[in-house]
Amino acid sequence: MDTAPDTAQDELAKTFAECKPLFFALGEIPRQQILLLLTEHAELNVSQMTEKLPLSRPAISHHLKILRQAGLVEVRQQGTENYHFLTADAAIALLERFVAEVKSCA
């Protein structure tokens, strides 16, 4: 059974679907605040973030989970503490691919 090669629009649709978790993660102000805070610090735990943001520990933990799922943040465990840090390289590469595909369809 032969299948037709994917068109540029098909590829864009696939890439857009891959971007959905990233767009969702970036769409809320508290998550943007967490990301901005992490650009100022190499890594922070939830307690440190709570001191710097107008969010509760549960809210920060919830938002960090979404940011981790989107590949924007990773966690490093040290003893009983979890330290969160930015890992945006894969997200940036995905967004660059998305932009390039949009340009090629335009």
PDB file of N, CA and C in Angstrom:
ATOM      1  N   MET A   1       0.839  -1.167   0.000  1.00  0.00           N
ATOM      2  CA  MET A   1       0.000   0.000   0.000  1.00  0.00           C
ATOM      3  C   MET A   1       0.887   1.234   0.000  1.00  0.00           C
ATOM      4  N   ASP A   2       0.816   2.018  -1.034  1.00  0.00           N
ATOM      5  CA  ASP A   2       1.617   3.232  -1.140  1.00  0.00           C
ATOM      6  C   ASP A   2       0.922   4.367  -0.410  1.00  0.00           C
ATOM      7  N   THR A   3       1.744   5.157   0.252  1.00  0.00           N
ATOM      8  CA  THR A   3       1.199   6.350   0.896  1.00  0.00           C
ATOM      9  C   THR A   3       1.873   7.560   0.283  1.00  0.00           C
ATOM     10  N   ALA A   4       1.125   8.611   0.127  1.00  0.00           N
ATOM     11  CA  ALA A   4       1.667   9.841  -0.449  1.00  0.00           C
ATOM     12  C   ALA A   4       2.627  10.478   0.547  1.00  0.00           C
ATOM     13  N   PRO A   5       3.682  11.104   0.025  1.00  0.00           N
ATOM     14  CA  PRO A   5       4.606  11.777   0.942  1.00  0.00           C
ATOM     15  C   PRO A   5       3.887  12.930   1.649  1.00  0.00           C
ATOM     16  N   ASP A   6       4.358  13.218   2.860  1.00  0.00           N
ATOM     17  CA  ASP A   6       3.749  14.306   3.623  1.00  0.00           C
ATOM     18  C   ASP A   6       4.000  15.638   2.940  1.00  0.00           C
ATOM     19  N   THR A   7       2.994  16.450   2.919  1.00  0.00           N
ATOM     20  CA  THR A   7       3.132  17.797   2.379  1.00  0.00           C
ATOM     21  C   THR A   7       3.706  18.701   3.465  1.00  0.00           C
ATOM     22  N   ALA A   8       4.110  19.891   3.062  1.00  0.00           N
ATOM     23  CA  ALA A   8       4.630  20.856   4.032  1.00  0.00           C
ATOM     24  C   ALA A   8       3.570  21.150   5.088  1.00  0.00           C
ATOM     25  N   GLN A   9       2.314  21.192   4.669  1.00  0.00           N
ATOM     26  CA  GLN A   9       1.236  21.470   5.623  1.00  0.00           C
ATOM     27  C   GLN A   9       1.057  20.312   6.607  1.00  0.00           C
ATOM     28  N   ASP A  10       1.222  19.071   6.121  1.00  0.00           N
ATOM     29  CA  ASP A  10       1.147  17.909   7.011  1.00  0.00           C
ATOM     30  C   ASP A  10       2.255  17.951   8.060  1.00  0.00           C
ATOM     31  N   GLU A  11       3.455  18.285   7.602  1.00  0.00           N
ATOM     32  CA  GLU A  11       4.594  18.388   8.526  1.00  0.00           C
ATOM     33  C   GLU A  11       4.347  19.478   9.560  1.00  0.00           C
ATOM     34  N   LEU A  12       3.809  20.599   9.111  1.00  0.00           N
ATOM     35  CA  LEU A  12       3.503  21.700  10.024  1.00  0.00           C
ATOM     36  C   LEU A  12       2.461  21.266  11.051  1.00  0.00           C
ATOM     37  N   ALA A  13       1.470  20.526  10.624  1.00  0.00           N
ATOM     38  CA  ALA A  13       0.435  20.046  11.549  1.00  0.00           C
ATOM     39  C   ALA A  13       1.049  19.129  12.608  1.00  0.00           C
ATOM     40  N   LYS A  14       1.974  18.260  12.205  1.00  0.00           N
ATOM     41  CA  LYS A  14       2.650  17.369  13.159  1.00  0.00           C
ATOM     42  C   LYS A  14       3.485  18.173  14.142  1.00  0.00           C
ATOM     43  N   THR A  15       4.225  19.144  13.629  1.00  0.00           N
ATOM     44  CA  THR A  15       5.068  19.967  14.489  1.00  0.00           C
ATOM     45  C   THR A  15       4.202  20.787  15.441  1.00  0.00           C
ATOM     46  N   PHE A  16       3.096  21.325  14.932  1.00  0.00           N
ATOM     47  CA  PHE A  16       2.186  22.089  15.770  1.00  0.00           C
ATOM     48  C   PHE A  16       1.684  21.224  16.924  1.00  0.00           C
ATOM     49  N   ALA A  17       1.346  19.976  16.635  1.00  0.00           N
ATOM     50  CA  ALA A  17       0.886  19.053  17.681  1.00  0.00           C
ATOM     51  C   ALA A  17       1.987  18.813  18.715  1.00  0.00           C
ATOM     52  N   GLU A  18       3.237  18.702  18.252  1.00  0.00           N
ATOM     53  CA  GLU A  18       4.359  18.533  19.177  1.00  0.00           C
ATOM     54  C   GLU A  18       4.546  19.770  20.059  1.00  0.00           C
ATOM     55  N   CYS A  19       4.203  20.931  19.532  1.00  0.00           N
ATOM     56  CA  CYS A  19       4.360  22.194  20.262  1.00  0.00           C
ATOM     57  C   CYS A  19       3.259  22.431  21.288  1.00  0.00           C
ATOM     58  N   LYS A  20       2.172  21.705  21.187  1.00  0.00           N
ATOM     59  CA  LYS A  20       1.008  21.967  22.037  1.00  0.00           C
ATOM     60  C   LYS A  20       1.361  22.003  23.528  1.00  0.00           C
ATOM     61  N   PRO A  21       2.112  21.017  24.076  1.00  0.00           N
ATOM     62  CA  PRO A  21       2.456  21.096  25.503  1.00  0.00           C
ATOM     63  C   PRO A  21       3.314  22.326  25.829  1.00  0.00           C
ATOM     64  N   LEU A  22       4.153  22.706  24.907  1.00  0.00           N
ATOM     65  CA  LEU A  22       5.000  23.876  25.113  1.00  0.00           C
ATOM     66  C   LEU A  22       4.157  25.151  25.140  1.00  0.00           C
ATOM     67  N   PHE A  23       3.256  25.286  24.172  1.00  0.00           N
ATOM     68  CA  PHE A  23       2.383  26.457  24.138  1.00  0.00           C
ATOM     69  C   PHE A  23       1.502  26.516  25.388  1.00  0.00           C
ATOM     70  N   PHE A  24       1.008  25.364  25.817  1.00  0.00           N
ATOM     71  CA  PHE A  24       0.200  25.308  27.028  1.00  0.00           C
ATOM     72  C   PHE A  24       1.014  25.774  28.230  1.00  0.00           C
ATOM     73  N   ALA A  25       2.239  25.290  28.338  1.00  0.00           N
ATOM     74  CA  ALA A  25       3.098  25.648  29.471  1.00  0.00           C
ATOM     75  C   ALA A  25       3.417  27.132  29.491  1.00  0.00           C
ATOM     76  N   LEU A  26       3.602  27.720  28.332  1.00  0.00           N
ATOM     77  CA  LEU A  26       3.965  29.131  28.249  1.00  0.00           C
ATOM     78  C   LEU A  26       2.755  30.057  28.378  1.00  0.00           C
ATOM     79  N   GLY A  27       1.567  29.511  28.358  1.00  0.00           N
ATOM     80  CA  GLY A  27       0.355  30.316  28.297  1.00  0.00           C
ATOM     81  C   GLY A  27      -0.139  30.894  29.608  1.00  0.00           C
ATOM     82  N   GLU A  28       0.444  30.524  30.721  1.00  0.00           N
ATOM     83  CA  GLU A  28      -0.032  31.008  32.019  1.00  0.00           C
ATOM     84  C   GLU A  28       1.018  31.902  32.675  1.00  0.00           C
ATOM     85  N   ILE A  29       0.563  33.024  33.218  1.00  0.00           N
ATOM     86  CA  ILE A  29       1.475  33.990  33.848  1.00  0.00           C
ATOM     87  C   ILE A  29       2.296  33.377  34.982  1.00  0.00           C
ATOM     88  N   PRO A  30       1.727  32.552  35.872  1.00  0.00           N
ATOM     89  CA  PRO A  30       2.568  31.970  36.924  1.00  0.00           C
ATOM     90  C   PRO A  30       3.737  31.137  36.375  1.00  0.00           C
ATOM     91  N   ARG A  31       3.492  30.412  35.286  1.00  0.00           N
ATOM     92  CA  ARG A  31       4.582  29.618  34.700  1.00  0.00           C
ATOM     93  C   ARG A  31       5.619  30.528  34.046  1.00  0.00           C
ATOM     94  N   GLN A  32       5.150  31.612  33.451  1.00  0.00           N
ATOM     95  CA  GLN A  32       6.081  32.590  32.896  1.00  0.00           C
ATOM     96  C   GLN A  32       6.927  33.189  34.015  1.00  0.00           C
ATOM     97  N   GLN A  33       6.303  33.477  35.164  1.00  0.00           N
ATOM     98  CA  GLN A  33       7.042  34.026  36.302  1.00  0.00           C
ATOM     99  C   GLN A  33       8.106  33.047  36.796  1.00  0.00           C
ATOM    100  N   ILE A  34       7.759  31.781  36.856  1.00  0.00           N
ATOM    101  CA  ILE A  34       8.722  30.756  37.283  1.00  0.00           C
ATOM    102  C   ILE A  34       9.885  30.695  36.301  1.00  0.00           C
ATOM    103  N   LEU A  35       9.586  30.692  35.010  1.00  0.00           N
ATOM    104  CA  LEU A  35      10.660  30.648  34.009  1.00  0.00           C
ATOM    105  C   LEU A  35      11.556  31.873  34.111  1.00  0.00           C
ATOM    106  N   LEU A  36      10.951  33.043  34.269  1.00  0.00           N
ATOM    107  CA  LEU A  36      11.756  34.260  34.407  1.00  0.00           C
ATOM    108  C   LEU A  36      12.627  34.206  35.658  1.00  0.00           C
ATOM    109  N   LEU A  37      12.080  33.687  36.740  1.00  0.00           N
ATOM    110  CA  LEU A  37      12.853  33.547  37.966  1.00  0.00           C
ATOM    111  C   LEU A  37      14.039  32.602  37.759  1.00  0.00           C
ATOM    112  N   LEU A  38      13.804  31.513  37.038  1.00  0.00           N
ATOM    113  CA  LEU A  38      14.882  30.553  36.796  1.00  0.00           C
ATOM    114  C   LEU A  38      15.938  31.085  35.825  1.00  0.00           C
ATOM    115  N   THR A  39      15.614  32.123  35.057  1.00  0.00           N
ATOM    116  CA  THR A  39      16.651  32.732  34.218  1.00  0.00           C
ATOM    117  C   THR A  39      17.615  33.549  35.069  1.00  0.00           C
ATOM    118  N   GLU A  40      17.176  33.939  36.262  1.00  0.00           N
ATOM    119  CA  GLU A  40      18.007  34.742  37.164  1.00  0.00           C
ATOM    120  C   GLU A  40      18.830  33.888  38.120  1.00  0.00           C
ATOM    121  N   HIS A  41      18.475  32.618  38.265  1.00  0.00           N
ATOM    122  CA  HIS A  41      19.129  31.720  39.218  1.00  0.00           C
ATOM    123  C   HIS A  41      19.439  30.398  38.518  1.00  0.00           C
ATOM    124  N   ALA A  42      20.583  29.839  38.829  1.00  0.00           N
ATOM    125  CA  ALA A  42      20.968  28.572  38.200  1.00  0.00           C
ATOM    126  C   ALA A  42      19.959  27.475  38.522  1.00  0.00           C
ATOM    127  N   GLU A  43      19.494  27.447  39.755  1.00  0.00           N
ATOM    128  CA  GLU A  43      18.501  26.467  40.177  1.00  0.00           C
ATOM    129  C   GLU A  43      17.877  26.938  41.485  1.00  0.00           C
ATOM    130  N   LEU A  44      16.657  26.521  41.713  1.00  0.00           N
ATOM    131  CA  LEU A  44      15.929  26.885  42.932  1.00  0.00           C
ATOM    132  C   LEU A  44      15.044  25.722  43.361  1.00  0.00           C
ATOM    133  N   ASN A  45      14.806  25.621  44.672  1.00  0.00           N
ATOM    134  CA  ASN A  45      13.814  24.661  45.136  1.00  0.00           C
ATOM    135  C   ASN A  45      12.488  25.390  45.334  1.00  0.00           C
ATOM    136  N   VAL A  46      11.439  24.654  45.634  1.00  0.00           N
ATOM    137  CA  VAL A  46      10.103  25.242  45.729  1.00  0.00           C
ATOM    138  C   VAL A  46      10.047  26.285  46.849  1.00  0.00           C
ATOM    139  N   SER A  47      10.705  26.018  47.967  1.00  0.00           N
ATOM    140  CA  SER A  47      10.707  26.983  49.074  1.00  0.00           C
ATOM    141  C   SER A  47      11.324  28.306  48.647  1.00  0.00           C
ATOM    142  N   GLN A  48      12.420  28.246  47.926  1.00  0.00           N
ATOM    143  CA  GLN A  48      13.069  29.468  47.446  1.00  0.00           C
ATOM    144  C   GLN A  48      12.156  30.217  46.472  1.00  0.00           C
ATOM    145  N   MET A  49      11.467  29.487  45.621  1.00  0.00           N
ATOM    146  CA  MET A  49      10.543  30.124  44.683  1.00  0.00           C
ATOM    147  C   MET A  49       9.382  30.775  45.423  1.00  0.00           C
ATOM    148  N   THR A  50       8.892  30.118  46.475  1.00  0.00           N
ATOM    149  CA  THR A  50       7.777  30.653  47.261  1.00  0.00           C
ATOM    150  C   THR A  50       8.150  31.993  47.891  1.00  0.00           C
ATOM    151  N   GLU A  51       9.407  32.135  48.283  1.00  0.00           N
ATOM    152  CA  GLU A  51       9.875  33.397  48.867  1.00  0.00           C
ATOM    153  C   GLU A  51       9.893  34.528  47.845  1.00  0.00           C
ATOM    154  N   LYS A  52      10.046  34.198  46.583  1.00  0.00           N
ATOM    155  CA  LYS A  52      10.236  35.204  45.543  1.00  0.00           C
ATOM    156  C   LYS A  52       8.995  35.454  44.683  1.00  0.00           C
ATOM    157  N   LEU A  53       8.001  34.573  44.778  1.00  0.00           N
ATOM    158  CA  LEU A  53       6.804  34.692  43.936  1.00  0.00           C
ATOM    159  C   LEU A  53       5.546  34.737  44.798  1.00  0.00           C
ATOM    160  N   PRO A  54       4.504  35.372  44.308  1.00  0.00           N
ATOM    161  CA  PRO A  54       3.244  35.429  45.060  1.00  0.00           C
ATOM    162  C   PRO A  54       2.381  34.184  44.834  1.00  0.00           C
ATOM    163  N   LEU A  55       3.018  33.016  44.988  1.00  0.00           N
ATOM    164  CA  LEU A  55       2.326  31.745  44.757  1.00  0.00           C
ATOM    165  C   LEU A  55       2.572  30.814  45.939  1.00  0.00           C
ATOM    166  N   SER A  56       1.618  29.934  46.205  1.00  0.00           N
ATOM    167  CA  SER A  56       1.776  28.949  47.273  1.00  0.00           C
ATOM    168  C   SER A  56       2.686  27.812  46.801  1.00  0.00           C
ATOM    169  N   ARG A  57       3.179  27.044  47.772  1.00  0.00           N
ATOM    170  CA  ARG A  57       4.007  25.867  47.430  1.00  0.00           C
ATOM    171  C   ARG A  57       3.247  24.905  46.511  1.00  0.00           C
ATOM    172  N   PRO A  58       1.973  24.562  46.826  1.00  0.00           N
ATOM    173  CA  PRO A  58       1.255  23.650  45.925  1.00  0.00           C
ATOM    174  C   PRO A  58       1.101  24.216  44.510  1.00  0.00           C
ATOM    175  N   ALA A  59       0.858  25.522  44.418  1.00  0.00           N
ATOM    176  CA  ALA A  59       0.702  26.136  43.092  1.00  0.00           C
ATOM    177  C   ALA A  59       2.012  26.069  42.322  1.00  0.00           C
ATOM    178  N   ILE A  60       3.109  26.378  42.980  1.00  0.00           N
ATOM    179  CA  ILE A  60       4.417  26.321  42.313  1.00  0.00           C
ATOM    180  C   ILE A  60       4.710  24.894  41.869  1.00  0.00           C
ATOM    181  N   SER A  61       4.459  23.935  42.744  1.00  0.00           N
ATOM    182  CA  SER A  61       4.696  22.525  42.384  1.00  0.00           C
ATOM    183  C   SER A  61       3.851  22.115  41.181  1.00  0.00           C
ATOM    184  N   HIS A  62       2.611  22.542  41.155  1.00  0.00           N
ATOM    185  CA  HIS A  62       1.724  22.240  40.017  1.00  0.00           C
ATOM    186  C   HIS A  62       2.296  22.822  38.726  1.00  0.00           C
ATOM    187  N   HIS A  63       2.687  24.081  38.765  1.00  0.00           N
ATOM    188  CA  HIS A  63       3.214  24.736  37.567  1.00  0.00           C
ATOM    189  C   HIS A  63       4.550  24.126  37.144  1.00  0.00           C
ATOM    190  N   LEU A  64       5.376  23.745  38.107  1.00  0.00           N
ATOM    191  CA  LEU A  64       6.655  23.101  37.773  1.00  0.00           C
ATOM    192  C   LEU A  64       6.426  21.762  37.065  1.00  0.00           C
ATOM    193  N   LYS A  65       5.402  21.033  37.474  1.00  0.00           N
ATOM    194  CA  LYS A  65       5.087  19.754  36.810  1.00  0.00           C
ATOM    195  C   LYS A  65       4.778  19.985  35.338  1.00  0.00           C
ATOM    196  N   ILE A  66       3.981  21.002  35.047  1.00  0.00           N
ATOM    197  CA  ILE A  66       3.624  21.318  33.659  1.00  0.00           C
ATOM    198  C   ILE A  66       4.862  21.761  32.883  1.00  0.00           C
ATOM    199  N   LEU A  67       5.708  22.563  33.508  1.00  0.00           N
ATOM    200  CA  LEU A  67       6.940  23.015  32.849  1.00  0.00           C
ATOM    201  C   LEU A  67       7.891  21.847  32.584  1.00  0.00           C
ATOM    202  N   ARG A  68       7.946  20.884  33.512  1.00  0.00           N
ATOM    203  CA  ARG A  68       8.778  19.686  33.290  1.00  0.00           C
ATOM    204  C   ARG A  68       8.221  18.855  32.141  1.00  0.00           C
ATOM    205  N   GLN A  69       6.904  18.676  32.110  1.00  0.00           N
ATOM    206  CA  GLN A  69       6.274  17.895  31.046  1.00  0.00           C
ATOM    207  C   GLN A  69       6.509  18.525  29.675  1.00  0.00           C
ATOM    208  N   ALA A  70       6.636  19.834  29.634  1.00  0.00           N
ATOM    209  CA  ALA A  70       6.883  20.544  28.376  1.00  0.00           C
ATOM    210  C   ALA A  70       8.363  20.583  28.020  1.00  0.00           C
ATOM    211  N   GLY A  71       9.215  20.070  28.891  1.00  0.00           N
ATOM    212  CA  GLY A  71      10.649  20.050  28.614  1.00  0.00           C
ATOM    213  C   GLY A  71      11.352  21.377  28.855  1.00  0.00           C
ATOM    214  N   LEU A  72      10.746  22.249  29.626  1.00  0.00           N
ATOM    215  CA  LEU A  72      11.338  23.561  29.891  1.00  0.00           C
ATOM    216  C   LEU A  72      12.147  23.584  31.186  1.00  0.00           C
ATOM    217  N   VAL A  73      11.832  22.663  32.091  1.00  0.00           N
ATOM    218  CA  VAL A  73      12.484  22.627  33.403  1.00  0.00           C
ATOM    219  C   VAL A  73      12.819  21.177  33.728  1.00  0.00           C
ATOM    220  N   GLU A  74      13.947  20.999  34.381  1.00  0.00           N
ATOM    221  CA  GLU A  74      14.307  19.683  34.910  1.00  0.00           C
ATOM    222  C   GLU A  74      14.556  19.823  36.399  1.00  0.00           C
ATOM    223  N   VAL A  75      14.657  18.694  37.068  1.00  0.00           N
ATOM    224  CA  VAL A  75      14.840  18.695  38.520  1.00  0.00           C
ATOM    225  C   VAL A  75      16.065  17.870  38.871  1.00  0.00           C
ATOM    226  N   ARG A  76      16.795  18.358  39.879  1.00  0.00           N
ATOM    227  CA  ARG A  76      17.966  17.656  40.405  1.00  0.00           C
ATOM    228  C   ARG A  76      17.729  17.462  41.895  1.00  0.00           C
ATOM    229  N   GLN A  77      17.836  16.213  42.331  1.00  0.00           N
ATOM    230  CA  GLN A  77      17.608  15.926  43.743  1.00  0.00           C
ATOM    231  C   GLN A  77      18.928  15.976  44.496  1.00  0.00           C
ATOM    232  N   GLN A  78      18.903  16.674  45.635  1.00  0.00           N
ATOM    233  CA  GLN A  78      20.067  16.726  46.515  1.00  0.00           C
ATOM    234  C   GLN A  78      19.555  16.487  47.932  1.00  0.00           C
ATOM    235  N   GLY A  79      19.800  15.309  48.465  1.00  0.00           N
ATOM    236  CA  GLY A  79      19.241  14.944  49.759  1.00  0.00           C
ATOM    237  C   GLY A  79      17.731  14.897  49.658  1.00  0.00           C
ATOM    238  N   THR A  80      17.071  15.662  50.505  1.00  0.00           N
ATOM    239  CA  THR A  80      15.609  15.700  50.485  1.00  0.00           C
ATOM    240  C   THR A  80      15.061  16.846  49.646  1.00  0.00           C
ATOM    241  N   GLU A  81      15.941  17.650  49.088  1.00  0.00           N
ATOM    242  CA  GLU A  81      15.528  18.814  48.297  1.00  0.00           C
ATOM    243  C   GLU A  81      15.556  18.508  46.802  1.00  0.00           C
ATOM    244  N   ASN A  82      14.601  19.092  46.093  1.00  0.00           N
ATOM    245  CA  ASN A  82      14.571  19.029  44.636  1.00  0.00           C
ATOM    246  C   ASN A  82      14.855  20.426  44.108  1.00  0.00           C
ATOM    247  N   TYR A  83      15.881  20.542  43.297  1.00  0.00           N
ATOM    248  CA  TYR A  83      16.260  21.823  42.705  1.00  0.00           C
ATOM    249  C   TYR A  83      15.871  21.827  41.233  1.00  0.00           C
ATOM    250  N   HIS A  84      15.170  22.870  40.832  1.00  0.00           N
ATOM    251  CA  HIS A  84      14.650  22.995  39.473  1.00  0.00           C
ATOM    252  C   HIS A  84      15.521  23.969  38.686  1.00  0.00           C
ATOM    253  N   PHE A  85      15.731  23.644  37.406  1.00  0.00           N
ATOM    254  CA  PHE A  85      16.554  24.491  36.551  1.00  0.00           C
ATOM    255  C   PHE A  85      16.016  24.442  35.123  1.00  0.00           C
ATOM    256  N   LEU A  86      16.352  25.491  34.370  1.00  0.00           N
ATOM    257  CA  LEU A  86      15.896  25.597  32.981  1.00  0.00           C
ATOM    258  C   LEU A  86      16.596  24.587  32.091  1.00  0.00           C
ATOM    259  N   THR A  87      15.857  24.044  31.152  1.00  0.00           N
ATOM    260  CA  THR A  87      16.404  23.175  30.105  1.00  0.00           C
ATOM    261  C   THR A  87      15.636  23.466  28.825  1.00  0.00           C
ATOM    262  N   ALA A  88      15.866  24.617  28.274  1.00  0.00           N
ATOM    263  CA  ALA A  88      15.046  25.078  27.162  1.00  0.00           C
ATOM    264  C   ALA A  88      15.591  24.730  25.783  1.00  0.00           C
ATOM    265  N   ASP A  89      16.738  24.103  25.680  1.00  0.00           N
ATOM    266  CA  ASP A  89      17.344  23.846  24.368  1.00  0.00           C
ATOM    267  C   ASP A  89      16.426  23.062  23.432  1.00  0.00           C
ATOM    268  N   ALA A  90      15.819  21.997  23.919  1.00  0.00           N
ATOM    269  CA  ALA A  90      14.930  21.193  23.064  1.00  0.00           C
ATOM    270  C   ALA A  90      13.686  21.997  22.680  1.00  0.00           C
ATOM    271  N   ALA A  91      13.163  22.781  23.622  1.00  0.00           N
ATOM    272  CA  ALA A  91      11.986  23.606  23.337  1.00  0.00           C
ATOM    273  C   ALA A  91      12.319  24.675  22.300  1.00  0.00           C
ATOM    274  N   ILE A  92      13.485  25.268  22.426  1.00  0.00           N
ATOM    275  CA  ILE A  92      13.911  26.283  21.454  1.00  0.00           C
ATOM    276  C   ILE A  92      14.057  25.659  20.073  1.00  0.00           C
ATOM    277  N   ALA A  93      14.651  24.482  20.002  1.00  0.00           N
ATOM    278  CA  ALA A  93      14.820  23.799  18.711  1.00  0.00           C
ATOM    279  C   ALA A  93      13.452  23.478  18.097  1.00  0.00           C
ATOM    280  N   LEU A  94      12.503  23.049  18.918  1.00  0.00           N
ATOM    281  CA  LEU A  94      11.159  22.755  18.423  1.00  0.00           C
ATOM    282  C   LEU A  94      10.485  24.023  17.901  1.00  0.00           C
ATOM    283  N   LEU A  95      10.595  25.111  18.636  1.00  0.00           N
ATOM    284  CA  LEU A  95      10.004  26.375  18.186  1.00  0.00           C
ATOM    285  C   LEU A  95      10.665  26.885  16.906  1.00  0.00           C
ATOM    286  N   GLU A  96      11.970  26.718  16.801  1.00  0.00           N
ATOM    287  CA  GLU A  96      12.670  27.122  15.572  1.00  0.00           C
ATOM    288  C   GLU A  96      12.183  26.305  14.387  1.00  0.00           C
ATOM    289  N   ARG A  97      11.968  25.008  14.604  1.00  0.00           N
ATOM    290  CA  ARG A  97      11.444  24.147  13.536  1.00  0.00           C
ATOM    291  C   ARG A  97      10.037  24.585  13.148  1.00  0.00           C
ATOM    292  N   PHE A  98       9.217  24.896  14.143  1.00  0.00           N
ATOM    293  CA  PHE A  98       7.856  25.360  13.889  1.00  0.00           C
ATOM    294  C   PHE A  98       7.874  26.644  13.056  1.00  0.00           C
ATOM    295  N   VAL A  99       8.702  27.599  13.442  1.00  0.00           N
ATOM    296  CA  VAL A  99       8.791  28.868  12.709  1.00  0.00           C
ATOM    297  C   VAL A  99       9.261  28.634  11.283  1.00  0.00           C
ATOM    298  N   ALA A 100      10.261  27.787  11.098  1.00  0.00           N
ATOM    299  CA  ALA A 100      10.770  27.500   9.756  1.00  0.00           C
ATOM    300  C   ALA A 100       9.691  26.859   8.882  1.00  0.00           C
ATOM    301  N   GLU A 101       8.908  25.952   9.471  1.00  0.00           N
ATOM    302  CA  GLU A 101       7.854  25.287   8.701  1.00  0.00           C
ATOM    303  C   GLU A 101       6.724  26.268   8.356  1.00  0.00           C
ATOM    304  N   VAL A 102       6.408  27.165   9.281  1.00  0.00           N
ATOM    305  CA  VAL A 102       5.390  28.179   8.980  1.00  0.00           C
ATOM    306  C   VAL A 102       5.864  29.067   7.830  1.00  0.00           C
ATOM    307  N   LYS A 103       7.123  29.463   7.866  1.00  0.00           N
ATOM    308  CA  LYS A 103       7.682  30.293   6.798  1.00  0.00           C
ATOM    309  C   LYS A 103       7.642  29.569   5.459  1.00  0.00           C
ATOM    310  N   SER A 104       7.916  28.269   5.481  1.00  0.00           N
ATOM    311  CA  SER A 104       7.943  27.536   4.202  1.00  0.00           C
ATOM    312  C   SER A 104       6.536  27.354   3.629  1.00  0.00           C
ATOM    313  N   CYS A 105       5.510  27.420   4.467  1.00  0.00           N
ATOM    314  CA  CYS A 105       4.123  27.294   3.983  1.00  0.00           C
ATOM    315  C   CYS A 105       3.575  28.644   3.518  1.00  0.00           C
ATOM    316  N   ALA A 106       4.181  29.713   3.971  1.00  0.00           N
ATOM    317  CA  ALA A 106       3.643  31.047   3.647  1.00  0.00           C
ATOM    318  C   ALA A 106       3.993  31.473   2.254  1.00  0.00           C
TER     319      ALA A 106
END
